[in-house]
Protein backbone atom coordinates (compact mmCIF):
# COMPACT_ATOMS: atom_id res chain seq x y z
CA MET A 1 88.30 57.11 41.92
CA ASP A 2 88.67 54.64 44.24
CA LYS A 3 87.52 51.53 41.97
CA LEU A 4 89.42 53.17 39.13
CA LYS A 5 92.96 53.10 41.22
CA LYS A 6 92.20 49.97 42.08
CA LEU A 7 92.12 48.48 38.19
CA PHE A 8 95.58 50.55 37.62
CA ASP A 9 97.32 49.27 40.68
CA PRO A 10 100.97 47.94 40.16
CA THR A 11 99.17 44.24 38.76
CA MET A 12 98.51 45.94 35.94
CA PHE A 13 101.91 47.04 35.41
CA ARG A 14 103.01 43.92 35.75
CA PHE A 15 100.45 42.04 33.64
CA LEU A 16 101.58 44.40 31.17
CA LEU A 17 105.37 43.47 31.22
CA VAL A 18 104.08 39.96 31.05
CA GLY A 19 102.54 41.31 27.82
CA VAL A 20 105.85 41.88 26.25
CA VAL A 21 107.40 38.83 27.02
CA ASN A 22 103.93 36.84 25.74
CA THR A 23 103.58 39.38 22.56
CA LEU A 24 107.31 38.68 21.56
CA VAL A 25 107.27 34.34 21.87
CA GLY A 26 103.08 34.55 20.65
CA CYS A 27 103.51 36.93 17.66
CA GLY A 28 106.68 35.43 16.51
CA VAL A 29 105.23 32.06 16.11
CA MET A 30 101.86 33.65 14.68
CA PHE A 31 103.56 35.87 12.09
CA GLY A 32 106.21 33.39 11.79
CA LEU A 33 103.83 30.95 10.51
CA TYR A 34 101.03 32.89 8.56
CA ASN A 35 104.36 34.62 6.65
CA LEU A 36 107.23 32.76 6.87
CA ALA A 37 105.76 28.90 6.73
CA GLY A 38 103.18 30.56 3.98
CA LEU A 39 100.06 29.82 5.84
CA TYR A 40 98.82 33.11 4.70
CA THR A 41 98.24 30.34 1.19
CA TRP A 42 96.03 28.88 3.13
CA GLY A 43 92.90 31.96 3.46
CA ASP A 44 90.88 31.33 6.75
CA VAL A 45 92.39 28.17 7.89
CA GLY A 46 95.56 29.36 8.11
CA TYR A 47 94.42 32.77 9.97
CA TRP A 48 92.70 30.23 12.84
CA ILE A 49 95.73 27.69 12.45
CA SER A 50 98.45 30.75 13.02
CA SER A 51 96.87 32.96 15.56
CA ALA A 52 95.99 29.90 17.33
CA ALA A 53 99.50 28.91 17.56
CA ASN A 54 99.93 32.49 19.28
CA TYR A 55 98.18 31.91 21.84
CA VAL A 56 99.18 28.04 22.54
CA ALA A 57 102.70 29.41 22.88
CA GLY A 58 101.95 32.80 24.55
CA SER A 59 99.68 31.29 26.77
CA ILE A 60 101.74 29.00 28.50
CA VAL A 61 104.42 31.08 29.06
CA SER A 62 101.99 33.68 30.15
CA PHE A 63 100.45 30.80 32.64
CA PHE A 64 103.39 30.99 34.74
CA LEU A 65 104.88 33.93 34.76
CA ASN A 66 101.42 35.36 35.50
CA LYS A 67 100.17 32.68 38.34
CA HIS A 68 104.00 33.64 39.79
CA PHE A 69 104.95 37.50 39.27
CA THR A 70 102.04 39.26 38.10
CA PHE A 71 98.88 38.25 40.40
CA LYS A 72 101.56 35.86 43.16
CA ASN A 73 98.59 33.54 42.89
CA GLN A 74 99.59 30.08 45.28
CA GLU A 75 96.74 27.96 44.65
CA LYS A 76 97.80 24.52 42.99
CA GLY A 77 95.70 21.87 41.26
CA PRO A 78 93.48 21.64 38.43
CA GLY A 79 91.41 24.08 38.89
CA VAL A 80 93.64 27.34 38.16
CA VAL A 81 95.06 25.96 35.57
CA PHE A 82 91.14 25.00 34.13
CA ARG A 83 90.11 28.64 34.94
CA PHE A 84 92.90 30.17 32.77
CA ALA A 85 92.64 27.73 30.07
CA LEU A 86 88.85 28.79 30.19
CA ASN A 87 89.81 32.64 30.47
CA ILE A 88 92.24 32.11 27.21
CA SER A 89 89.72 30.45 25.12
CA VAL A 90 86.99 32.37 25.53
CA CYS A 91 89.03 35.91 24.86
CA TYR A 92 90.73 34.26 21.94
CA LEU A 93 87.56 33.26 20.40
CA MET A 94 85.93 36.49 20.86
CA ALA A 95 88.61 38.71 20.15
CA TYR A 96 89.56 36.84 16.86
CA GLY A 97 86.11 36.24 16.05
CA LEU A 98 84.92 39.86 16.27
CA ALA A 99 88.58 41.51 14.85
CA ARG A 100 87.82 39.17 11.79
CA PRO A 101 84.42 41.28 10.32
CA ALA A 102 85.61 44.48 12.05
CA VAL A 103 88.36 44.71 9.94
CA SER A 104 86.93 43.72 6.89
CA TRP A 105 84.26 46.29 7.17
CA VAL A 106 86.43 48.94 7.59
CA LEU A 107 88.87 47.68 5.23
CA GLY A 108 86.83 46.35 2.86
CA GLY A 109 86.87 49.26 0.19
CA MET A 110 90.51 49.72 0.53
CA GLY A 111 91.43 46.96 -2.10
CA LEU A 112 93.80 45.46 0.78
CA GLY A 113 95.67 42.36 -0.38
CA ALA A 114 94.57 38.92 1.09
CA GLN A 115 97.72 38.70 3.35
CA LEU A 116 97.99 42.43 4.23
CA GLN A 117 94.43 42.70 5.59
CA GLY A 118 94.98 38.64 7.41
CA ASN A 119 98.01 40.70 9.00
CA LEU A 120 96.14 43.67 10.31
CA THR A 121 92.76 41.60 11.40
CA MET A 122 95.67 39.24 13.18
CA LEU A 123 96.97 42.61 14.84
CA ALA A 124 93.62 44.11 15.47
CA GLY A 125 92.45 40.48 17.64
CA SER A 126 95.27 40.91 19.49
CA GLY A 127 94.77 44.10 20.65
CA LEU A 128 91.18 43.22 21.91
CA PHE A 129 92.77 39.64 23.05
CA VAL A 130 94.92 41.63 26.02
CA VAL A 131 92.01 43.93 27.20
CA LEU A 132 89.98 40.89 27.28
CA ASN A 133 92.41 38.54 28.90
CA TYR A 134 93.63 41.24 31.77
CA PHE A 135 90.13 41.09 32.79
CA GLY A 136 89.41 37.49 33.07
CA GLN A 137 92.71 36.90 34.14
CA ARG A 138 92.97 39.24 37.38
CA PHE A 139 88.81 38.64 38.36
CA PHE A 140 88.70 34.97 37.05
CA ALA A 141 91.29 32.76 36.52
CA PHE A 142 93.91 34.43 39.02
CA ARG A 143 91.58 36.08 41.55
CA ALA A 144 92.43 35.99 45.22
CA ARG A 145 89.98 33.10 46.78
């Protein structure tokens, strides 16, 4: 029970608050590129470019807000930046790599258009990324030294 309380402490709630800001920035970029800029017409390449742009923009916001506000990390230097970038990269590849086949399998027989299925896949990838990223940032990127 104590371990569970430790996971659901104020740090998690600050992370979720920062996540709202990251989501607005990142998803605005991702869905804007995919739909408004027409990258959905590029197929898989448009999917990966749009979702990657989400995490470039959102990660910049996330690094500064989570480092200083959420985890109150005082570490300076390239080590913390490297751990953060590694965490984001691994979580991104895992989340979107798993979302693509999973959503295709679940929705494959529904006859959805490629654009709608791409949007749903990116949404699923975003949700999975949030979970993986929280644990990665808390216990790896910004862990107490």
